[in-house]
Amino acid sequence: QIELAESGGGLVQPGGSLRLSCAASEINLDYFAIGWFRQVPGKEREGISCISSRDGSTYYAESVKGRFTTSRDNAKNTVYLQMNSLKPEDAAVYFCAAVPQFEFTGSLFESEYDFWGQGTQVTVSS
């Protein structure tokens, strides 16, 4: 069974930074594009970033562009989401998701991703 596991969430003050990790078991992430999503209770899940495994191309939602950076370390089979200049409105449960690279369109629609982690909570508060 393919499993993704997010880690690195926590409490941070506005303006602070966090780095989330998405690690995989049972699959080699070299062959998968990874998306990052977040969800606030009562709202739809929002796609915020994704990264290709072919060339490392990244895509960002306007809400996080310039503040968040997605990267991957294939040797560690891990993808990262570096979040800087965090705002209270960034507080959410953050999820990573995977889709085989050959199916990847650069989309941030959750329906296009096949495998999901359980999420990690990010709280931004003073």
N, C-alpha and C. Protein backbone atom coordinates (compact mmCIF):
# COMPACT_ATOMS: atom_id res chain seq x y z
N GLN A 1 0.84 -1.19 0.00
CA GLN A 1 0.00 0.00 0.00
C GLN A 1 0.88 1.25 0.00
N ILE A 2 0.54 2.17 -0.86
CA ILE A 2 1.31 3.39 -0.98
C ILE A 2 0.92 4.34 0.13
N GLU A 3 1.92 4.82 0.85
CA GLU A 3 1.66 5.76 1.94
C GLU A 3 2.56 6.98 1.81
N LEU A 4 1.96 8.11 2.04
CA LEU A 4 2.70 9.35 2.17
C LEU A 4 2.56 9.85 3.59
N ALA A 5 3.58 10.46 4.09
CA ALA A 5 3.53 10.96 5.46
C ALA A 5 4.10 12.36 5.51
N GLU A 6 3.26 13.29 5.96
CA GLU A 6 3.70 14.65 6.15
C GLU A 6 4.24 14.83 7.57
N SER A 7 5.18 15.72 7.70
CA SER A 7 5.70 16.08 9.02
C SER A 7 6.20 17.51 8.98
N GLY A 8 6.44 18.07 10.15
CA GLY A 8 7.01 19.41 10.23
C GLY A 8 6.02 20.50 10.60
N GLY A 9 4.76 20.13 10.74
CA GLY A 9 3.79 21.12 11.14
C GLY A 9 3.98 21.54 12.59
N GLY A 10 3.27 22.59 12.97
CA GLY A 10 3.37 23.06 14.35
C GLY A 10 2.84 24.47 14.48
N LEU A 11 3.18 25.08 15.59
CA LEU A 11 2.76 26.44 15.89
C LEU A 11 3.90 27.41 15.57
N VAL A 12 3.57 28.45 14.86
CA VAL A 12 4.56 29.45 14.50
C VAL A 12 3.92 30.82 14.58
N GLN A 13 4.71 31.82 14.90
CA GLN A 13 4.20 33.18 14.95
C GLN A 13 4.08 33.76 13.55
N PRO A 14 3.19 34.73 13.38
CA PRO A 14 3.11 35.40 12.07
C PRO A 14 4.48 35.95 11.67
N GLY A 15 4.81 35.75 10.41
CA GLY A 15 6.11 36.15 9.91
C GLY A 15 7.16 35.07 10.02
N GLY A 16 6.85 34.02 10.71
CA GLY A 16 7.80 32.93 10.91
C GLY A 16 7.82 31.95 9.74
N SER A 17 8.61 30.91 9.92
CA SER A 17 8.81 29.91 8.86
C SER A 17 8.63 28.49 9.41
N LEU A 18 8.25 27.62 8.52
CA LEU A 18 8.19 26.19 8.79
C LEU A 18 8.59 25.46 7.52
N ARG A 19 9.14 24.28 7.70
CA ARG A 19 9.39 23.42 6.55
C ARG A 19 8.67 22.10 6.75
N LEU A 20 7.78 21.82 5.83
CA LEU A 20 7.06 20.55 5.86
C LEU A 20 7.78 19.54 4.98
N SER A 21 7.69 18.29 5.40
CA SER A 21 8.26 17.20 4.63
C SER A 21 7.17 16.22 4.22
N CYS A 22 7.36 15.63 3.09
CA CYS A 22 6.46 14.58 2.59
C CYS A 22 7.34 13.40 2.22
N ALA A 23 7.24 12.35 3.01
CA ALA A 23 8.06 11.16 2.77
C ALA A 23 7.17 10.03 2.29
N ALA A 24 7.76 9.14 1.53
CA ALA A 24 6.99 8.05 0.94
C ALA A 24 7.56 6.70 1.32
N SER A 25 6.66 5.76 1.49
CA SER A 25 7.05 4.36 1.63
C SER A 25 6.41 3.59 0.50
N GLU A 26 7.02 2.59 0.08
CA GLU A 26 6.50 1.69 -0.95
C GLU A 26 6.56 2.24 -2.36
N ILE A 27 6.86 3.53 -2.53
CA ILE A 27 7.00 4.06 -3.87
C ILE A 27 8.27 4.88 -3.96
N ASN A 28 8.79 4.95 -5.15
CA ASN A 28 9.95 5.80 -5.42
C ASN A 28 9.43 7.12 -5.99
N LEU A 29 9.62 8.18 -5.23
CA LEU A 29 9.06 9.46 -5.65
C LEU A 29 9.70 10.01 -6.91
N ASP A 30 10.79 9.39 -7.36
CA ASP A 30 11.39 9.80 -8.63
C ASP A 30 10.38 9.74 -9.77
N TYR A 31 9.37 8.90 -9.63
CA TYR A 31 8.42 8.68 -10.71
C TYR A 31 7.09 9.35 -10.47
N PHE A 32 7.04 10.21 -9.44
CA PHE A 32 5.78 10.84 -9.10
C PHE A 32 5.92 12.35 -8.96
N ALA A 33 4.95 13.05 -9.48
CA ALA A 33 4.83 14.46 -9.16
C ALA A 33 4.10 14.59 -7.83
N ILE A 34 4.44 15.62 -7.10
CA ILE A 34 3.88 15.81 -5.77
C ILE A 34 3.16 17.15 -5.69
N GLY A 35 2.00 17.12 -5.12
CA GLY A 35 1.25 18.34 -4.87
C GLY A 35 1.12 18.60 -3.38
N TRP A 36 1.04 19.85 -3.03
CA TRP A 36 0.76 20.26 -1.65
C TRP A 36 -0.60 20.95 -1.62
N PHE A 37 -1.38 20.57 -0.62
CA PHE A 37 -2.72 21.11 -0.47
C PHE A 37 -2.91 21.50 0.99
N ARG A 38 -3.91 22.33 1.22
CA ARG A 38 -4.23 22.67 2.60
C ARG A 38 -5.74 22.80 2.73
N GLN A 39 -6.19 22.60 3.95
CA GLN A 39 -7.62 22.64 4.20
C GLN A 39 -7.91 23.22 5.56
N VAL A 40 -8.84 24.12 5.57
CA VAL A 40 -9.36 24.72 6.80
C VAL A 40 -10.74 24.11 7.04
N PRO A 41 -11.09 23.80 8.27
CA PRO A 41 -12.42 23.22 8.53
C PRO A 41 -13.53 24.05 7.91
N GLY A 42 -14.41 23.36 7.21
CA GLY A 42 -15.54 24.02 6.60
C GLY A 42 -15.27 24.58 5.22
N LYS A 43 -14.04 24.44 4.76
CA LYS A 43 -13.70 24.95 3.44
C LYS A 43 -13.14 23.83 2.57
N GLU A 44 -13.17 24.07 1.28
CA GLU A 44 -12.63 23.09 0.34
C GLU A 44 -11.10 23.05 0.44
N ARG A 45 -10.56 21.90 0.08
CA ARG A 45 -9.11 21.75 0.06
C ARG A 45 -8.54 22.62 -1.06
N GLU A 46 -7.48 23.32 -0.75
CA GLU A 46 -6.87 24.26 -1.69
C GLU A 46 -5.53 23.73 -2.15
N GLY A 47 -5.33 23.63 -3.43
CA GLY A 47 -4.03 23.27 -3.97
C GLY A 47 -3.12 24.47 -3.95
N ILE A 48 -1.91 24.32 -3.38
CA ILE A 48 -1.05 25.48 -3.25
C ILE A 48 0.27 25.34 -4.01
N SER A 49 0.69 24.12 -4.27
CA SER A 49 1.97 23.97 -4.96
C SER A 49 2.09 22.56 -5.50
N CYS A 50 2.88 22.41 -6.55
CA CYS A 50 3.22 21.07 -7.03
C CYS A 50 4.58 21.11 -7.69
N ILE A 51 5.16 19.93 -7.79
CA ILE A 51 6.51 19.83 -8.35
C ILE A 51 6.61 18.59 -9.22
N SER A 52 7.16 18.80 -10.38
CA SER A 52 7.37 17.70 -11.32
C SER A 52 8.58 16.87 -10.89
N SER A 53 8.54 15.59 -11.19
CA SER A 53 9.72 14.75 -10.94
C SER A 53 10.63 14.71 -12.16
N ARG A 54 10.11 15.12 -13.31
CA ARG A 54 10.91 15.05 -14.53
C ARG A 54 11.99 16.10 -14.55
N ASP A 55 11.60 17.35 -14.24
CA ASP A 55 12.58 18.43 -14.33
C ASP A 55 12.56 19.37 -13.13
N GLY A 56 11.77 19.00 -12.12
CA GLY A 56 11.72 19.83 -10.92
C GLY A 56 10.91 21.10 -11.08
N SER A 57 10.18 21.23 -12.17
CA SER A 57 9.35 22.41 -12.36
C SER A 57 8.34 22.53 -11.24
N THR A 58 8.13 23.73 -10.79
CA THR A 58 7.20 23.97 -9.70
C THR A 58 6.11 24.94 -10.12
N TYR A 59 4.98 24.82 -9.45
CA TYR A 59 3.83 25.66 -9.70
C TYR A 59 3.26 26.09 -8.35
N TYR A 60 2.78 27.31 -8.29
CA TYR A 60 2.29 27.84 -7.02
C TYR A 60 0.97 28.57 -7.21
N ALA A 61 0.12 28.44 -6.21
CA ALA A 61 -1.08 29.26 -6.16
C ALA A 61 -0.68 30.69 -5.83
N GLU A 62 -1.49 31.63 -6.27
CA GLU A 62 -1.19 33.04 -6.02
C GLU A 62 -1.11 33.34 -4.53
N SER A 63 -1.86 32.61 -3.76
CA SER A 63 -1.92 32.88 -2.31
C SER A 63 -0.59 32.61 -1.61
N VAL A 64 0.28 31.81 -2.23
CA VAL A 64 1.55 31.47 -1.57
C VAL A 64 2.77 31.83 -2.41
N LYS A 65 2.55 32.28 -3.61
CA LYS A 65 3.67 32.57 -4.51
C LYS A 65 4.58 33.62 -3.89
N GLY A 66 5.86 33.35 -3.94
CA GLY A 66 6.85 34.27 -3.38
C GLY A 66 7.15 34.02 -1.92
N ARG A 67 6.33 33.22 -1.26
CA ARG A 67 6.55 32.93 0.16
C ARG A 67 6.86 31.44 0.40
N PHE A 68 6.28 30.58 -0.39
CA PHE A 68 6.46 29.14 -0.25
C PHE A 68 7.33 28.60 -1.38
N THR A 69 8.12 27.60 -1.06
CA THR A 69 8.98 26.97 -2.05
C THR A 69 8.91 25.46 -1.90
N THR A 70 8.66 24.79 -3.00
CA THR A 70 8.63 23.33 -3.02
C THR A 70 9.92 22.81 -3.63
N SER A 71 10.46 21.79 -3.00
CA SER A 71 11.68 21.18 -3.54
C SER A 71 11.63 19.68 -3.26
N ARG A 72 12.55 18.96 -3.87
CA ARG A 72 12.56 17.52 -3.65
C ARG A 72 13.99 17.04 -3.52
N ASP A 73 14.14 16.03 -2.67
CA ASP A 73 15.42 15.36 -2.49
C ASP A 73 15.20 13.90 -2.83
N ASN A 74 15.53 13.54 -4.03
CA ASN A 74 15.24 12.18 -4.48
C ASN A 74 16.05 11.15 -3.70
N ALA A 75 17.22 11.52 -3.25
CA ALA A 75 18.04 10.58 -2.49
C ALA A 75 17.36 10.20 -1.18
N LYS A 76 16.59 11.14 -0.63
CA LYS A 76 15.87 10.87 0.62
C LYS A 76 14.42 10.49 0.37
N ASN A 77 14.04 10.45 -0.91
CA ASN A 77 12.65 10.12 -1.25
C ASN A 77 11.68 11.02 -0.52
N THR A 78 11.99 12.30 -0.52
CA THR A 78 11.22 13.26 0.26
C THR A 78 11.03 14.54 -0.55
N VAL A 79 9.87 15.13 -0.36
CA VAL A 79 9.57 16.43 -0.95
C VAL A 79 9.31 17.41 0.19
N TYR A 80 9.73 18.64 0.00
CA TYR A 80 9.63 19.65 1.05
C TYR A 80 8.75 20.82 0.61
N LEU A 81 8.15 21.44 1.59
CA LEU A 81 7.46 22.71 1.38
C LEU A 81 8.02 23.69 2.40
N GLN A 82 8.83 24.60 1.93
CA GLN A 82 9.38 25.65 2.78
C GLN A 82 8.39 26.81 2.79
N MET A 83 7.95 27.16 3.98
CA MET A 83 6.94 28.21 4.12
C MET A 83 7.54 29.36 4.91
N ASN A 84 7.64 30.49 4.27
CA ASN A 84 8.19 31.69 4.90
C ASN A 84 7.12 32.78 4.99
N SER A 85 7.39 33.76 5.82
CA SER A 85 6.48 34.89 5.98
C SER A 85 5.05 34.42 6.21
N LEU A 86 4.90 33.49 7.12
CA LEU A 86 3.59 32.89 7.36
C LEU A 86 2.61 33.91 7.93
N LYS A 87 1.38 33.75 7.50
CA LYS A 87 0.29 34.63 7.91
C LYS A 87 -0.75 33.80 8.66
N PRO A 88 -1.56 34.43 9.47
CA PRO A 88 -2.62 33.68 10.16
C PRO A 88 -3.52 32.92 9.20
N GLU A 89 -3.73 33.46 8.03
CA GLU A 89 -4.60 32.78 7.05
C GLU A 89 -3.95 31.56 6.42
N ASP A 90 -2.67 31.33 6.69
CA ASP A 90 -2.01 30.11 6.22
C ASP A 90 -2.29 28.92 7.15
N ALA A 91 -2.87 29.18 8.29
CA ALA A 91 -3.16 28.09 9.22
C ALA A 91 -4.15 27.11 8.59
N ALA A 92 -3.79 25.84 8.62
CA ALA A 92 -4.60 24.81 7.99
C ALA A 92 -3.95 23.46 8.26
N VAL A 93 -4.64 22.41 7.85
CA VAL A 93 -4.01 21.11 7.76
C VAL A 93 -3.41 21.00 6.36
N TYR A 94 -2.14 20.65 6.30
CA TYR A 94 -1.43 20.56 5.03
C TYR A 94 -1.25 19.10 4.64
N PHE A 95 -1.53 18.84 3.38
CA PHE A 95 -1.44 17.49 2.84
C PHE A 95 -0.48 17.46 1.65
N CYS A 96 0.21 16.35 1.50
CA CYS A 96 0.89 16.12 0.24
C CYS A 96 0.17 14.99 -0.49
N ALA A 97 0.31 15.00 -1.79
CA ALA A 97 -0.35 14.01 -2.64
C ALA A 97 0.54 13.70 -3.83
N ALA A 98 0.40 12.50 -4.36
CA ALA A 98 1.26 12.05 -5.45
C ALA A 98 0.45 11.61 -6.65
N VAL A 99 1.00 11.84 -7.81
CA VAL A 99 0.42 11.35 -9.06
C VAL A 99 1.59 10.88 -9.93
N PRO A 100 1.42 9.77 -10.63
CA PRO A 100 2.50 9.33 -11.52
C PRO A 100 2.90 10.44 -12.48
N GLN A 101 4.19 10.58 -12.69
CA GLN A 101 4.68 11.70 -13.50
C GLN A 101 4.06 11.72 -14.89
N PHE A 102 3.84 10.55 -15.50
CA PHE A 102 3.32 10.54 -16.86
C PHE A 102 1.89 11.07 -16.94
N GLU A 103 1.21 11.15 -15.77
CA GLU A 103 -0.15 11.69 -15.74
C GLU A 103 -0.16 13.15 -15.29
N PHE A 104 0.96 13.66 -14.91
CA PHE A 104 1.03 14.99 -14.30
C PHE A 104 0.79 16.08 -15.34
N THR A 105 -0.10 17.03 -14.97
CA THR A 105 -0.42 18.14 -15.88
C THR A 105 -0.02 19.49 -15.30
N GLY A 106 0.57 19.48 -14.09
CA GLY A 106 0.85 20.75 -13.45
C GLY A 106 -0.36 21.33 -12.74
N SER A 107 -1.35 20.50 -12.61
CA SER A 107 -2.61 20.95 -12.01
C SER A 107 -2.53 20.98 -10.49
N LEU A 108 -3.32 21.86 -9.92
CA LEU A 108 -3.49 21.91 -8.47
C LEU A 108 -4.89 21.45 -8.07
N PHE A 109 -5.54 20.71 -8.95
CA PHE A 109 -6.84 20.14 -8.62
C PHE A 109 -6.63 18.82 -7.88
N GLU A 110 -7.24 18.69 -6.74
CA GLU A 110 -7.01 17.50 -5.93
C GLU A 110 -7.46 16.23 -6.62
N SER A 111 -8.43 16.32 -7.51
CA SER A 111 -8.94 15.12 -8.17
C SER A 111 -7.90 14.47 -9.08
N GLU A 112 -6.85 15.18 -9.40
CA GLU A 112 -5.84 14.64 -10.30
C GLU A 112 -4.72 13.90 -9.55
N TYR A 113 -4.82 13.84 -8.25
CA TYR A 113 -3.79 13.16 -7.45
C TYR A 113 -4.34 11.85 -6.89
N ASP A 114 -3.51 10.85 -6.88
CA ASP A 114 -3.97 9.50 -6.57
C ASP A 114 -3.72 9.08 -5.13
N PHE A 115 -2.64 9.55 -4.54
CA PHE A 115 -2.23 9.05 -3.23
C PHE A 115 -2.04 10.25 -2.30
N TRP A 116 -2.51 10.08 -1.06
CA TRP A 116 -2.54 11.20 -0.13
C TRP A 116 -1.96 10.79 1.22
N GLY A 117 -1.37 11.79 1.89
CA GLY A 117 -0.97 11.61 3.26
C GLY A 117 -2.11 11.98 4.20
N GLN A 118 -1.84 11.85 5.48
CA GLN A 118 -2.85 12.11 6.50
C GLN A 118 -2.92 13.57 6.91
N GLY A 119 -1.93 14.33 6.56
CA GLY A 119 -1.94 15.76 6.86
C GLY A 119 -1.16 16.11 8.12
N THR A 120 -0.73 17.35 8.16
CA THR A 120 -0.04 17.88 9.34
C THR A 120 -0.58 19.28 9.61
N GLN A 121 -0.81 19.56 10.87
CA GLN A 121 -1.44 20.83 11.25
C GLN A 121 -0.41 21.95 11.30
N VAL A 122 -0.76 23.06 10.71
CA VAL A 122 0.04 24.28 10.82
C VAL A 122 -0.83 25.35 11.46
N THR A 123 -0.34 25.91 12.54
CA THR A 123 -1.04 26.97 13.25
C THR A 123 -0.16 28.22 13.24
N VAL A 124 -0.74 29.32 12.84
CA VAL A 124 0.00 30.59 12.79
C VAL A 124 -0.70 31.56 13.72
N SER A 125 -0.05 31.83 14.82
CA SER A 125 -0.69 32.66 15.84
C SER A 125 0.36 33.26 16.74
N SER A 126 0.07 34.44 17.23
CA SER A 126 0.97 35.06 18.20
C SER A 126 0.52 34.76 19.62
